[in-house]
Amino acid sequence: MAKWGEGDPRWIVEERPDATNVNNWHWTEKNAGPWSKDRLKELFSDLKIAQNGIVCSITEVEKVDGEASANNRKGKLIFFYEWDIKLKWEGVLAGGSEKIKGEIHIPNLSEENGVSEVDMTVTIKSNGDEAQRVKAFMHHVGREEIRKQLQEYIRSLKEEFSKGLILPKKGESSVKPDNVSTITSGFNKKINMNPIISPQTNKVGCKLDTKTIELSEKFQCRGQEFYDAMTRIEMVTAFTQGHVKLDPEKGGKFALFGGNVTGEFKELVPGKRIVQYWRYKQWPEQHYSEVTFNIEEKDDHTLVRLKQDLVPVAEVEKTRDNWQRYYFDSIKRAFGFGAFL
């Protein structure tokens, strides 16, 4: 294996005129947050919804909180977005005597859910028959029009904002459409890491026998890149292939694999070390292990040493296998960190 910058064409960029990302091999990212906020405001500003004598309109995009990014890995586009949106609206009945005002709350627009599954709450600020009729209209007709705008945002993100992330390969002047694959951050296939229920020999108040697991793995990446794969929500989402909750700071919580793995960050040293309190859902209630990742960047690879203390004896082999399968192997597949010559 060559040292960094020597020999491996996937790491040599001089052959490309722009000297960037040979064959789209590396993980590249484009922040879609500011663009998304502008696009969502554009789609909802002055949106009018009219039918059967009822006319409603969005009067203000009150809140757009969240984040979004478009990522390229080996010619595949991986999207991450999560938004909490509040809209103000008003409407009138044909011949009605009052202008009805209300709000719409969309708390969970994300790639985890299809637009048809997105929660949407419609509220009004007044009572009476007219108000209830207009609210019912917005609940049934208005929500569908709003879903169409959300779908348009997602289309724009994937087809317009992401232009330029996929670069032409050597010898090509442009990107061929059949060379681009668009997928969500979950890769459309969630990892099933549900616990297998087995008889528990340990009871509350009884001593729990535990052991320590120690593993080491080589990754074809920089130390910081492995660190990022474990602490950046869009990258963790990519390799776990499902919805992720992650707060990468000391004391921050995380939940992966549908909540089957949960814990808290105890120590974070960028590019060098990660320490977590970590538990698997099947373990005895409130029992946590302590996991330490020591990240050591070598001349031609990065060596990661994992030590996990306080693993229940009955779970040692399964836990060891899960680290290899659901973490190490998945990280290598998702980001190309496993290719050695």
C-alpha atoms as a PDB file:
ATOM      1  CA  MET A   1       0.000   0.000   0.000  1.00  0.00           C
ATOM      2  CA  ALA A   2       1.409   3.393  -0.972  1.00  0.00           C
ATOM      3  CA  LYS A   3       1.787   6.223   1.473  1.00  0.00           C
ATOM      4  CA  TRP A   4      -0.609   9.167   1.351  1.00  0.00           C
ATOM      5  CA  GLY A   5      -0.274  10.879  -2.016  1.00  0.00           C
ATOM      6  CA  GLU A   6       1.680   8.020  -3.608  1.00  0.00           C
ATOM      7  CA  GLY A   7       0.604   5.358  -6.047  1.00  0.00           C
ATOM      8  CA  ASP A   8      -3.136   4.817  -5.549  1.00  0.00           C
ATOM      9  CA  PRO A   9      -5.017   6.567  -8.404  1.00  0.00           C
ATOM     10  CA  ARG A  10      -8.047   7.081  -6.193  1.00  0.00           C
ATOM     11  CA  TRP A  11      -5.995   9.483  -4.092  1.00  0.00           C
ATOM     12  CA  ILE A  12      -4.024  11.152  -6.910  1.00  0.00           C
ATOM     13  CA  VAL A  13      -5.741  14.212  -8.373  1.00  0.00           C
ATOM     14  CA  GLU A  14      -3.128  15.564 -10.793  1.00  0.00           C
ATOM     15  CA  GLU A  15      -4.669  13.645 -13.708  1.00  0.00           C
ATOM     16  CA  ARG A  16      -7.807  15.834 -13.536  1.00  0.00           C
ATOM     17  CA  PRO A  17      -7.599  19.420 -14.831  1.00  0.00           C
ATOM     18  CA  ASP A  18      -9.472  20.712 -11.779  1.00  0.00           C
ATOM     19  CA  ALA A  19      -7.461  18.490  -9.401  1.00  0.00           C
ATOM     20  CA  THR A  20     -10.507  17.448  -7.377  1.00  0.00           C
ATOM     21  CA  ASN A  21     -12.183  14.190  -6.425  1.00  0.00           C
ATOM     22  CA  VAL A  22     -10.956  11.623  -8.944  1.00  0.00           C
ATOM     23  CA  ASN A  23     -13.818   9.477 -10.250  1.00  0.00           C
ATOM     24  CA  ASN A  24     -16.047  10.989  -7.553  1.00  0.00           C
ATOM     25  CA  TRP A  25     -14.343   8.614  -5.099  1.00  0.00           C
ATOM     26  CA  HIS A  26     -14.211  10.883  -2.053  1.00  0.00           C
ATOM     27  CA  TRP A  27     -17.094  11.959   0.172  1.00  0.00           C
ATOM     28  CA  THR A  28     -17.921  15.542  -0.779  1.00  0.00           C
ATOM     29  CA  GLU A  29     -20.585  17.705   0.790  1.00  0.00           C
ATOM     30  CA  LYS A  30     -22.491  20.849  -0.129  1.00  0.00           C
ATOM     31  CA  ASN A  31     -24.371  22.744   2.585  1.00  0.00           C
ATOM     32  CA  ALA A  32     -27.983  23.169   1.462  1.00  0.00           C
ATOM     33  CA  GLY A  33     -29.194  25.004   4.569  1.00  0.00           C
ATOM     34  CA  PRO A  34     -29.302  28.656   3.384  1.00  0.00           C
ATOM     35  CA  TRP A  35     -30.509  27.669  -0.081  1.00  0.00           C
ATOM     36  CA  SER A  36     -33.259  25.481   1.425  1.00  0.00           C
ATOM     37  CA  LYS A  37     -34.557  28.267   3.641  1.00  0.00           C
ATOM     38  CA  ASP A  38     -34.787  30.627   0.681  1.00  0.00           C
ATOM     39  CA  ARG A  39     -36.434  27.977  -1.496  1.00  0.00           C
ATOM     40  CA  LEU A  40     -39.035  27.035   1.129  1.00  0.00           C
ATOM     41  CA  LYS A  41     -39.900  30.706   1.699  1.00  0.00           C
ATOM     42  CA  GLU A  42     -40.202  31.199  -2.052  1.00  0.00           C
ATOM     43  CA  LEU A  43     -42.519  28.198  -2.422  1.00  0.00           C
ATOM     44  CA  PHE A  44     -44.883  29.255   0.370  1.00  0.00           C
ATOM     45  CA  SER A  45     -44.890  33.033   0.137  1.00  0.00           C
ATOM     46  CA  ASP A  46     -48.285  34.246  -1.128  1.00  0.00           C
ATOM     47  CA  LEU A  47     -49.424  30.686  -1.881  1.00  0.00           C
ATOM     48  CA  LYS A  48     -53.175  30.830  -2.619  1.00  0.00           C
ATOM     49  CA  ILE A  49     -55.581  27.918  -2.223  1.00  0.00           C
ATOM     50  CA  ALA A  50     -59.134  28.369  -3.522  1.00  0.00           C
ATOM     51  CA  GLN A  51     -62.039  25.995  -4.051  1.00  0.00           C
ATOM     52  CA  ASN A  52     -65.843  26.006  -3.680  1.00  0.00           C
ATOM     53  CA  GLY A  53     -66.065  29.638  -2.637  1.00  0.00           C
ATOM     54  CA  ILE A  54     -63.306  29.422   0.000  1.00  0.00           C
ATOM     55  CA  VAL A  55     -60.081  31.355  -0.576  1.00  0.00           C
ATOM     56  CA  CYS A  56     -57.044  30.912   1.680  1.00  0.00           C
ATOM     57  CA  SER A  57     -53.467  32.106   1.405  1.00  0.00           C
ATOM     58  CA  ILE A  58     -50.165  31.744   3.234  1.00  0.00           C
ATOM     59  CA  THR A  59     -49.364  35.182   4.649  1.00  0.00           C
ATOM     60  CA  GLU A  60     -46.025  34.490   6.355  1.00  0.00           C
ATOM     61  CA  VAL A  61     -43.340  31.834   6.616  1.00  0.00           C
ATOM     62  CA  GLU A  62     -42.875  32.312  10.352  1.00  0.00           C
ATOM     63  CA  LYS A  63     -40.173  29.708  10.996  1.00  0.00           C
ATOM     64  CA  VAL A  64     -37.845  27.456   9.010  1.00  0.00           C
ATOM     65  CA  ASP A  65     -35.487  25.730  11.458  1.00  0.00           C
ATOM     66  CA  GLY A  66     -33.217  22.827  10.570  1.00  0.00           C
ATOM     67  CA  GLU A  67     -30.496  21.801   8.168  1.00  0.00           C
ATOM     68  CA  ALA A  68     -29.902  20.159   4.814  1.00  0.00           C
ATOM     69  CA  SER A  69     -26.965  18.915   2.774  1.00  0.00           C
ATOM     70  CA  ALA A  70     -26.234  17.116  -0.474  1.00  0.00           C
ATOM     71  CA  ASN A  71     -23.384  14.620  -0.439  1.00  0.00           C
ATOM     72  CA  ASN A  72     -21.544  12.741  -3.173  1.00  0.00           C
ATOM     73  CA  ARG A  73     -19.983   9.327  -2.642  1.00  0.00           C
ATOM     74  CA  LYS A  74     -18.671   7.324  -5.591  1.00  0.00           C
ATOM     75  CA  GLY A  75     -21.132   8.950  -8.004  1.00  0.00           C
ATOM     76  CA  LYS A  76     -24.124   8.557  -5.696  1.00  0.00           C
ATOM     77  CA  LEU A  77     -25.935  11.569  -4.295  1.00  0.00           C
ATOM     78  CA  ILE A  78     -26.947  11.213  -0.654  1.00  0.00           C
ATOM     79  CA  PHE A  79     -29.350  13.797   0.760  1.00  0.00           C
ATOM     80  CA  PHE A  80     -29.925  14.815   4.342  1.00  0.00           C
ATOM     81  CA  TYR A  81     -32.608  17.298   5.360  1.00  0.00           C
ATOM     82  CA  GLU A  82     -34.608  17.901   8.502  1.00  0.00           C
ATOM     83  CA  TRP A  83     -36.919  20.915   8.866  1.00  0.00           C
ATOM     84  CA  ASP A  84     -39.374  22.356  11.366  1.00  0.00           C
ATOM     85  CA  ILE A  85     -41.653  24.806   9.537  1.00  0.00           C
ATOM     86  CA  LYS A  86     -44.394  27.167  10.749  1.00  0.00           C
ATOM     87  CA  LEU A  87     -46.687  29.046   8.380  1.00  0.00           C
ATOM     88  CA  LYS A  88     -49.310  31.713   9.026  1.00  0.00           C
ATOM     89  CA  TRP A  89     -52.426  31.696   6.881  1.00  0.00           C
ATOM     90  CA  GLU A  90     -55.759  33.455   6.490  1.00  0.00           C
ATOM     91  CA  GLY A  91     -58.948  32.645   4.612  1.00  0.00           C
ATOM     92  CA  VAL A  92     -62.502  33.750   3.923  1.00  0.00           C
ATOM     93  CA  LEU A  93     -65.765  32.169   2.848  1.00  0.00           C
ATOM     94  CA  ALA A  94     -67.512  33.573  -0.201  1.00  0.00           C
ATOM     95  CA  GLY A  95     -69.800  36.207   1.261  1.00  0.00           C
ATOM     96  CA  GLY A  96     -68.385  35.626   4.724  1.00  0.00           C
ATOM     97  CA  SER A  97     -68.238  38.377   7.301  1.00  0.00           C
ATOM     98  CA  GLU A  98     -64.831  37.674   8.862  1.00  0.00           C
ATOM     99  CA  LYS A  99     -61.271  36.883   7.876  1.00  0.00           C
ATOM    100  CA  ILE A 100     -60.123  33.667   9.530  1.00  0.00           C
ATOM    101  CA  LYS A 101     -56.477  33.498  10.632  1.00  0.00           C
ATOM    102  CA  GLY A 102     -54.453  30.505  11.723  1.00  0.00           C
ATOM    103  CA  GLU A 103     -51.171  28.590  11.638  1.00  0.00           C
ATOM    104  CA  ILE A 104     -49.785  25.431  10.066  1.00  0.00           C
ATOM    105  CA  HIS A 105     -46.975  23.523  11.786  1.00  0.00           C
ATOM    106  CA  ILE A 106     -44.817  20.998   9.900  1.00  0.00           C
ATOM    107  CA  PRO A 107     -42.445  19.586  12.574  1.00  0.00           C
ATOM    108  CA  ASN A 108     -40.740  16.732  10.744  1.00  0.00           C
ATOM    109  CA  LEU A 109     -39.953  17.270   7.085  1.00  0.00           C
ATOM    110  CA  SER A 110     -37.037  14.877   6.581  1.00  0.00           C
ATOM    111  CA  GLU A 111     -35.714  12.227   4.229  1.00  0.00           C
ATOM    112  CA  GLU A 112     -36.822   9.657   6.799  1.00  0.00           C
ATOM    113  CA  ASN A 113     -40.476  10.162   5.849  1.00  0.00           C
ATOM    114  CA  GLY A 114     -42.285  10.461   2.544  1.00  0.00           C
ATOM    115  CA  VAL A 115     -44.143  13.724   1.976  1.00  0.00           C
ATOM    116  CA  SER A 116     -47.468  11.911   2.458  1.00  0.00           C
ATOM    117  CA  GLU A 117     -46.287  10.850   5.926  1.00  0.00           C
ATOM    118  CA  VAL A 118     -45.192  14.305   7.095  1.00  0.00           C
ATOM    119  CA  ASP A 119     -47.119  15.548  10.139  1.00  0.00           C
ATOM    120  CA  MET A 120     -49.033  18.757   9.588  1.00  0.00           C
ATOM    121  CA  THR A 121     -51.178  20.559  12.192  1.00  0.00           C
ATOM    122  CA  VAL A 122     -53.727  23.215  11.208  1.00  0.00           C
ATOM    123  CA  THR A 123     -54.966  25.629  13.894  1.00  0.00           C
ATOM    124  CA  ILE A 124     -57.204  28.728  13.925  1.00  0.00           C
ATOM    125  CA  LYS A 125     -57.353  31.752  16.219  1.00  0.00           C
ATOM    126  CA  SER A 126     -61.142  32.187  16.265  1.00  0.00           C
ATOM    127  CA  ASN A 127     -64.300  30.152  16.804  1.00  0.00           C
ATOM    128  CA  GLY A 128     -67.642  29.950  15.122  1.00  0.00           C
ATOM    129  CA  ASP A 129     -69.166  28.183  12.151  1.00  0.00           C
ATOM    130  CA  GLU A 130     -67.268  30.147   9.503  1.00  0.00           C
ATOM    131  CA  ALA A 131     -63.943  29.569  11.231  1.00  0.00           C
ATOM    132  CA  GLN A 132     -64.563  25.829  11.510  1.00  0.00           C
ATOM    133  CA  ARG A 133     -65.531  25.555   7.836  1.00  0.00           C
ATOM    134  CA  VAL A 134     -62.382  27.367   6.721  1.00  0.00           C
ATOM    135  CA  LYS A 135     -60.246  25.248   9.067  1.00  0.00           C
ATOM    136  CA  ALA A 136     -61.782  22.059   7.648  1.00  0.00           C
ATOM    137  CA  PHE A 137     -60.966  23.313   4.152  1.00  0.00           C
ATOM    138  CA  MET A 138     -57.332  23.939   5.066  1.00  0.00           C
ATOM    139  CA  HIS A 139     -57.131  20.597   6.848  1.00  0.00           C
ATOM    140  CA  HIS A 140     -58.256  18.646   3.781  1.00  0.00           C
ATOM    141  CA  VAL A 141     -57.589  20.743   0.662  1.00  0.00           C
ATOM    142  CA  GLY A 142     -54.928  23.127   1.950  1.00  0.00           C
ATOM    143  CA  ARG A 143     -52.702  20.411   3.387  1.00  0.00           C
ATOM    144  CA  GLU A 144     -52.552  18.623   0.029  1.00  0.00           C
ATOM    145  CA  GLU A 145     -51.482  21.832  -1.723  1.00  0.00           C
ATOM    146  CA  ILE A 146     -48.809  22.371   0.915  1.00  0.00           C
ATOM    147  CA  ARG A 147     -47.566  18.802   0.431  1.00  0.00           C
ATOM    148  CA  LYS A 148     -47.160  19.586  -3.285  1.00  0.00           C
ATOM    149  CA  GLN A 149     -44.912  22.521  -2.372  1.00  0.00           C
ATOM    150  CA  LEU A 150     -42.874  20.322  -0.027  1.00  0.00           C
ATOM    151  CA  GLN A 151     -42.465  17.795  -2.831  1.00  0.00           C
ATOM    152  CA  GLU A 152     -41.292  20.585  -5.114  1.00  0.00           C
ATOM    153  CA  TYR A 153     -38.679  21.600  -2.533  1.00  0.00           C
ATOM    154  CA  ILE A 154     -37.346  18.033  -2.421  1.00  0.00           C
ATOM    155  CA  ARG A 155     -37.264  17.859  -6.231  1.00  0.00           C
ATOM    156  CA  SER A 156     -35.382  21.160  -6.380  1.00  0.00           C
ATOM    157  CA  LEU A 157     -32.894  19.996  -3.767  1.00  0.00           C
ATOM    158  CA  LYS A 158     -32.124  16.793  -5.633  1.00  0.00           C
ATOM    159  CA  GLU A 159     -32.179  18.061  -9.198  1.00  0.00           C
ATOM    160  CA  GLU A 160     -31.173  21.726  -9.053  1.00  0.00           C
ATOM    161  CA  PHE A 161     -29.153  22.420  -5.918  1.00  0.00           C
ATOM    162  CA  SER A 162     -27.009  19.289  -6.291  1.00  0.00           C
ATOM    163  CA  LYS A 163     -25.746  20.188  -9.771  1.00  0.00           C
ATOM    164  CA  GLY A 164     -21.948  20.170  -9.814  1.00  0.00           C
ATOM    165  CA  LEU A 165     -21.504  17.661  -7.003  1.00  0.00           C
ATOM    166  CA  ILE A 166     -20.967  14.819  -9.472  1.00  0.00           C
ATOM    167  CA  LEU A 167     -17.889  15.602 -11.585  1.00  0.00           C
ATOM    168  CA  PRO A 168     -17.165  14.101 -15.024  1.00  0.00           C
ATOM    169  CA  LYS A 169     -14.730  11.220 -14.922  1.00  0.00           C
ATOM    170  CA  LYS A 170     -11.370  11.306 -16.629  1.00  0.00           C
ATOM    171  CA  GLY A 171     -11.847  11.591 -20.373  1.00  0.00           C
ATOM    172  CA  GLU A 172     -15.459  12.852 -20.086  1.00  0.00           C
ATOM    173  CA  SER A 173     -16.465  16.439 -20.751  1.00  0.00           C
ATOM    174  CA  SER A 174     -19.774  16.127 -18.875  1.00  0.00           C
ATOM    175  CA  VAL A 175     -21.579  13.815 -16.494  1.00  0.00           C
ATOM    176  CA  LYS A 176     -23.611  11.112 -18.187  1.00  0.00           C
ATOM    177  CA  PRO A 177     -27.122  10.775 -16.694  1.00  0.00           C
ATOM    178  CA  ASP A 178     -26.736   7.012 -16.305  1.00  0.00           C
ATOM    179  CA  ASN A 179     -23.606   7.576 -14.199  1.00  0.00           C
ATOM    180  CA  VAL A 180     -25.574   9.379 -11.482  1.00  0.00           C
ATOM    181  CA  SER A 181     -27.580   7.569  -8.849  1.00  0.00           C
ATOM    182  CA  THR A 182     -29.745   9.576  -6.470  1.00  0.00           C
ATOM    183  CA  ILE A 183     -30.485   7.994  -3.108  1.00  0.00           C
ATOM    184  CA  THR A 184     -31.546   9.169   0.328  1.00  0.00           C
ATOM    185  CA  SER A 185     -29.217   9.166   3.293  1.00  0.00           C
ATOM    186  CA  GLY A 186     -30.912   5.966   4.428  1.00  0.00           C
ATOM    187  CA  PHE A 187     -29.948   4.295   1.099  1.00  0.00           C
ATOM    188  CA  ASN A 188     -33.633   3.228   0.908  1.00  0.00           C
ATOM    189  CA  LYS A 189     -32.745   0.194   2.997  1.00  0.00           C
ATOM    190  CA  LYS A 190     -32.755   0.331   6.772  1.00  0.00           C
ATOM    191  CA  ILE A 191     -30.486  -1.887   8.792  1.00  0.00           C
ATOM    192  CA  ASN A 192     -32.466  -4.246  10.969  1.00  0.00           C
ATOM    193  CA  MET A 193     -30.737  -4.253  14.323  1.00  0.00           C
ATOM    194  CA  ASN A 194     -33.746  -5.226  16.400  1.00  0.00           C
ATOM    195  CA  PRO A 195     -32.911  -7.123  19.583  1.00  0.00           C
ATOM    196  CA  ILE A 196     -33.417 -10.859  19.710  1.00  0.00           C
ATOM    197  CA  ILE A 197     -35.273 -11.563  22.921  1.00  0.00           C
ATOM    198  CA  SER A 198     -33.612 -14.284  24.958  1.00  0.00           C
ATOM    199  CA  PRO A 199     -34.157 -15.471  28.525  1.00  0.00           C
ATOM    200  CA  GLN A 200     -32.485 -13.147  31.045  1.00  0.00           C
ATOM    201  CA  THR A 201     -30.657 -14.823  33.885  1.00  0.00           C
ATOM    202  CA  ASN A 202     -29.899 -11.552  35.631  1.00  0.00           C
ATOM    203  CA  LYS A 203     -32.548  -9.983  37.827  1.00  0.00           C
ATOM    204  CA  VAL A 204     -32.783  -6.527  39.342  1.00  0.00           C
ATOM    205  CA  GLY A 205     -30.559  -6.408  42.391  1.00  0.00           C
ATOM    206  CA  CYS A 206     -28.342  -9.272  41.204  1.00  0.00           C
ATOM    207  CA  LYS A 207     -24.736  -8.815  40.183  1.00  0.00           C
ATOM    208  CA  LEU A 208     -24.275  -8.586  36.416  1.00  0.00           C
ATOM    209  CA  ASP A 209     -21.266 -10.414  34.988  1.00  0.00           C
ATOM    210  CA  THR A 210     -19.476  -8.323  32.373  1.00  0.00           C
ATOM    211  CA  LYS A 211     -16.461  -8.510  30.084  1.00  0.00           C
ATOM    212  CA  THR A 212     -14.348  -6.163  27.993  1.00  0.00           C
ATOM    213  CA  ILE A 213     -14.279  -6.209  24.186  1.00  0.00           C
ATOM    214  CA  GLU A 214     -11.206  -5.011  22.309  1.00  0.00           C
ATOM    215  CA  LEU A 215     -11.122  -4.653  18.513  1.00  0.00           C
ATOM    216  CA  SER A 216      -8.847  -2.969  15.990  1.00  0.00           C
ATOM    217  CA  GLU A 217      -9.597  -2.107  12.366  1.00  0.00           C
ATOM    218  CA  LYS A 218      -7.718  -0.415   9.521  1.00  0.00           C
ATOM    219  CA  PHE A 219      -9.477   2.229   7.429  1.00  0.00           C
ATOM    220  CA  GLN A 220      -8.316   3.780   4.163  1.00  0.00           C
ATOM    221  CA  CYS A 221      -8.952   7.380   5.238  1.00  0.00           C
ATOM    222  CA  ARG A 222      -7.603  10.202   7.348  1.00  0.00           C
ATOM    223  CA  GLY A 223      -8.109  10.115  11.087  1.00  0.00           C
ATOM    224  CA  GLN A 224     -10.398  13.141  10.906  1.00  0.00           C
ATOM    225  CA  GLU A 225     -12.509  11.437   8.241  1.00  0.00           C
ATOM    226  CA  PHE A 226     -13.208   8.470  10.514  1.00  0.00           C
ATOM    227  CA  TYR A 227     -13.966  10.867  13.366  1.00  0.00           C
ATOM    228  CA  ASP A 228     -16.409  12.722  11.122  1.00  0.00           C
ATOM    229  CA  ALA A 229     -18.088   9.463  10.101  1.00  0.00           C
ATOM    230  CA  MET A 230     -18.854   8.829  13.783  1.00  0.00           C
ATOM    231  CA  THR A 231     -19.908  12.359  14.769  1.00  0.00           C
ATOM    232  CA  ARG A 232     -21.517  14.110  11.787  1.00  0.00           C
ATOM    233  CA  ILE A 233     -25.217  13.364  11.583  1.00  0.00           C
ATOM    234  CA  GLU A 234     -25.373  13.120   7.784  1.00  0.00           C
ATOM    235  CA  MET A 235     -22.462  10.642   7.720  1.00  0.00           C
ATOM    236  CA  VAL A 236     -23.814   8.576  10.629  1.00  0.00           C
ATOM    237  CA  THR A 237     -27.177   8.528   8.846  1.00  0.00           C
ATOM    238  CA  ALA A 238     -25.456   7.281   5.700  1.00  0.00           C
ATOM    239  CA  PHE A 239     -23.667   4.309   7.237  1.00  0.00           C
ATOM    240  CA  THR A 240     -26.440   3.295   9.672  1.00  0.00           C
ATOM    241  CA  GLN A 241     -29.003   3.596   6.855  1.00  0.00           C
ATOM    242  CA  GLY A 242     -31.770   5.011   9.016  1.00  0.00           C
ATOM    243  CA  HIS A 243     -32.971   7.935  11.090  1.00  0.00           C
ATOM    244  CA  VAL A 244     -30.397   9.241  13.563  1.00  0.00           C
ATOM    245  CA  LYS A 245     -30.538  11.441  16.635  1.00  0.00           C
ATOM    246  CA  LEU A 246     -27.109  12.845  17.408  1.00  0.00           C
ATOM    247  CA  ASP A 247     -25.718  15.691  19.512  1.00  0.00           C
ATOM    248  CA  PRO A 248     -21.913  15.419  19.113  1.00  0.00           C
ATOM    249  CA  GLU A 249     -20.670  17.290  22.174  1.00  0.00           C
ATOM    250  CA  LYS A 250     -19.718  16.291  25.691  1.00  0.00           C
ATOM    251  CA  GLY A 251     -22.903  15.154  27.431  1.00  0.00           C
ATOM    252  CA  GLY A 252     -24.772  15.017  24.101  1.00  0.00           C
ATOM    253  CA  LYS A 253     -27.112  12.096  23.486  1.00  0.00           C
ATOM    254  CA  PHE A 254     -27.407   9.771  20.499  1.00  0.00           C
ATOM    255  CA  ALA A 255     -29.893   7.157  19.266  1.00  0.00           C
ATOM    256  CA  LEU A 256     -29.178   4.881  16.281  1.00  0.00           C
ATOM    257  CA  PHE A 257     -30.732   1.881  14.538  1.00  0.00           C
ATOM    258  CA  GLY A 258     -34.312   2.735  15.410  1.00  0.00           C
ATOM    259  CA  GLY A 259     -33.432   3.441  19.040  1.00  0.00           C
ATOM    260  CA  ASN A 260     -31.851   0.023  19.587  1.00  0.00           C
ATOM    261  CA  VAL A 261     -28.501   1.699  20.313  1.00  0.00           C
ATOM    262  CA  THR A 262     -28.508   4.727  22.608  1.00  0.00           C
ATOM    263  CA  GLY A 263     -25.953   6.580  24.657  1.00  0.00           C
ATOM    264  CA  GLU A 264     -24.087   9.754  25.491  1.00  0.00           C
ATOM    265  CA  PHE A 265     -20.793  11.314  24.447  1.00  0.00           C
ATOM    266  CA  LYS A 266     -18.333  11.421  27.341  1.00  0.00           C
ATOM    267  CA  GLU A 267     -15.251  12.776  25.528  1.00  0.00           C
ATOM    268  CA  LEU A 268     -14.551  14.074  22.019  1.00  0.00           C
ATOM    269  CA  VAL A 269     -11.061  14.864  20.653  1.00  0.00           C
ATOM    270  CA  PRO A 270     -11.406  15.639  16.923  1.00  0.00           C
ATOM    271  CA  GLY A 271      -9.477  13.185  14.772  1.00  0.00           C
ATOM    272  CA  LYS A 272      -8.065  11.381  17.809  1.00  0.00           C
ATOM    273  CA  ARG A 273     -10.515   9.974  20.326  1.00  0.00           C
ATOM    274  CA  ILE A 274     -14.215   9.349  21.023  1.00  0.00           C
ATOM    275  CA  VAL A 275     -15.558   8.068  24.328  1.00  0.00           C
ATOM    276  CA  GLN A 276     -19.216   7.109  24.731  1.00  0.00           C
ATOM    277  CA  TYR A 277     -21.608   5.665  27.260  1.00  0.00           C
ATOM    278  CA  TRP A 278     -23.289   3.034  25.070  1.00  0.00           C
ATOM    279  CA  ARG A 279     -26.100   0.530  25.526  1.00  0.00           C
ATOM    280  CA  TYR A 280     -28.062  -1.943  23.451  1.00  0.00           C
ATOM    281  CA  LYS A 281     -31.825  -2.045  23.950  1.00  0.00           C
ATOM    282  CA  GLN A 282     -31.825  -5.710  24.960  1.00  0.00           C
ATOM    283  CA  TRP A 283     -29.459  -5.167  27.885  1.00  0.00           C
ATOM    284  CA  PRO A 284     -30.730  -4.988  31.475  1.00  0.00           C
ATOM    285  CA  GLU A 285     -32.466  -1.680  32.108  1.00  0.00           C
ATOM    286  CA  GLN A 286     -30.176   1.294  32.831  1.00  0.00           C
ATOM    287  CA  HIS A 287     -27.011  -0.745  32.195  1.00  0.00           C
ATOM    288  CA  TYR A 288     -24.453   1.130  30.062  1.00  0.00           C
ATOM    289  CA  SER A 289     -21.042   0.119  28.779  1.00  0.00           C
ATOM    290  CA  GLU A 290     -18.185   2.532  28.116  1.00  0.00           C
ATOM    291  CA  VAL A 291     -16.825   2.596  24.553  1.00  0.00           C
ATOM    292  CA  THR A 292     -13.514   4.218  23.600  1.00  0.00           C
ATOM    293  CA  PHE A 293     -12.358   4.770  20.010  1.00  0.00           C
ATOM    294  CA  ASN A 294      -8.663   5.599  19.779  1.00  0.00           C
ATOM    295  CA  ILE A 295      -7.956   6.898  16.269  1.00  0.00           C
ATOM    296  CA  GLU A 296      -4.347   6.742  15.062  1.00  0.00           C
ATOM    297  CA  GLU A 297      -3.471   8.052  11.614  1.00  0.00           C
ATOM    298  CA  LYS A 298      -0.560   6.173  10.004  1.00  0.00           C
ATOM    299  CA  ASP A 299       1.433   6.906   6.832  1.00  0.00           C
ATOM    300  CA  ASP A 300      -0.908   4.908   4.615  1.00  0.00           C
ATOM    301  CA  HIS A 301      -4.062   4.235   6.670  1.00  0.00           C
ATOM    302  CA  THR A 302      -5.846   5.003   9.922  1.00  0.00           C
ATOM    303  CA  LEU A 303      -5.895   2.450  12.720  1.00  0.00           C
ATOM    304  CA  VAL A 304      -8.929   2.485  14.998  1.00  0.00           C
ATOM    305  CA  ARG A 305      -8.755   0.667  18.315  1.00  0.00           C
ATOM    306  CA  LEU A 306     -12.057   0.056  20.079  1.00  0.00           C
ATOM    307  CA  LYS A 307     -12.349  -0.869  23.743  1.00  0.00           C
ATOM    308  CA  GLN A 308     -15.735  -1.545  25.301  1.00  0.00           C
ATOM    309  CA  ASP A 309     -15.949  -2.141  29.041  1.00  0.00           C
ATOM    310  CA  LEU A 310     -18.884  -3.584  31.011  1.00  0.00           C
ATOM    311  CA  VAL A 311     -20.478  -5.664  28.252  1.00  0.00           C
ATOM    312  CA  PRO A 312     -22.883  -8.282  29.694  1.00  0.00           C
ATOM    313  CA  VAL A 313     -21.238 -11.696  29.339  1.00  0.00           C
ATOM    314  CA  ALA A 314     -24.214 -13.146  27.472  1.00  0.00           C
ATOM    315  CA  GLU A 315     -23.969 -10.345  24.883  1.00  0.00           C
ATOM    316  CA  VAL A 316     -20.222 -10.334  24.204  1.00  0.00           C
ATOM    317  CA  GLU A 317     -20.130 -12.305  20.937  1.00  0.00           C
ATOM    318  CA  LYS A 318     -23.226 -10.645  19.506  1.00  0.00           C
ATOM    319  CA  THR A 319     -21.914  -7.196  20.390  1.00  0.00           C
ATOM    320  CA  ARG A 320     -18.506  -7.945  18.882  1.00  0.00           C
ATOM    321  CA  ASP A 321     -20.160  -9.117  15.648  1.00  0.00           C
ATOM    322  CA  ASN A 322     -22.397  -6.046  15.557  1.00  0.00           C
ATOM    323  CA  TRP A 323     -19.427  -3.663  15.794  1.00  0.00           C
ATOM    324  CA  GLN A 324     -17.865  -5.371  12.797  1.00  0.00           C
ATOM    325  CA  ARG A 325     -21.024  -5.660  10.722  1.00  0.00           C
ATOM    326  CA  TYR A 326     -23.040  -2.538  11.502  1.00  0.00           C
ATOM    327  CA  TYR A 327     -20.208  -0.089  12.187  1.00  0.00           C
ATOM    328  CA  PHE A 328     -16.868  -0.988  10.629  1.00  0.00           C
ATOM    329  CA  ASP A 329     -18.063  -2.806   7.498  1.00  0.00           C
ATOM    330  CA  SER A 330     -20.887  -0.318   6.939  1.00  0.00           C
ATOM    331  CA  ILE A 331     -18.523   2.660   7.245  1.00  0.00           C
ATOM    332  CA  LYS A 332     -16.177   1.109   4.684  1.00  0.00           C
ATOM    333  CA  ARG A 333     -19.013   0.434   2.251  1.00  0.00           C
ATOM    334  CA  ALA A 334     -20.635   3.850   2.640  1.00  0.00           C
ATOM    335  CA  PHE A 335     -17.492   5.962   2.275  1.00  0.00           C
ATOM    336  CA  GLY A 336     -14.982   3.727   0.505  1.00  0.00           C
ATOM    337  CA  PHE A 337     -12.730   3.580   3.561  1.00  0.00           C
ATOM    338  CA  GLY A 338     -11.941  -0.113   3.094  1.00  0.00           C
ATOM    339  CA  ALA A 339     -10.116  -0.247  -0.214  1.00  0.00           C
ATOM    340  CA  PHE A 340      -6.498  -1.412   0.088  1.00  0.00           C
ATOM    341  CA  LEU A 341      -4.175  -2.432  -2.725  1.00  0.00           C
END
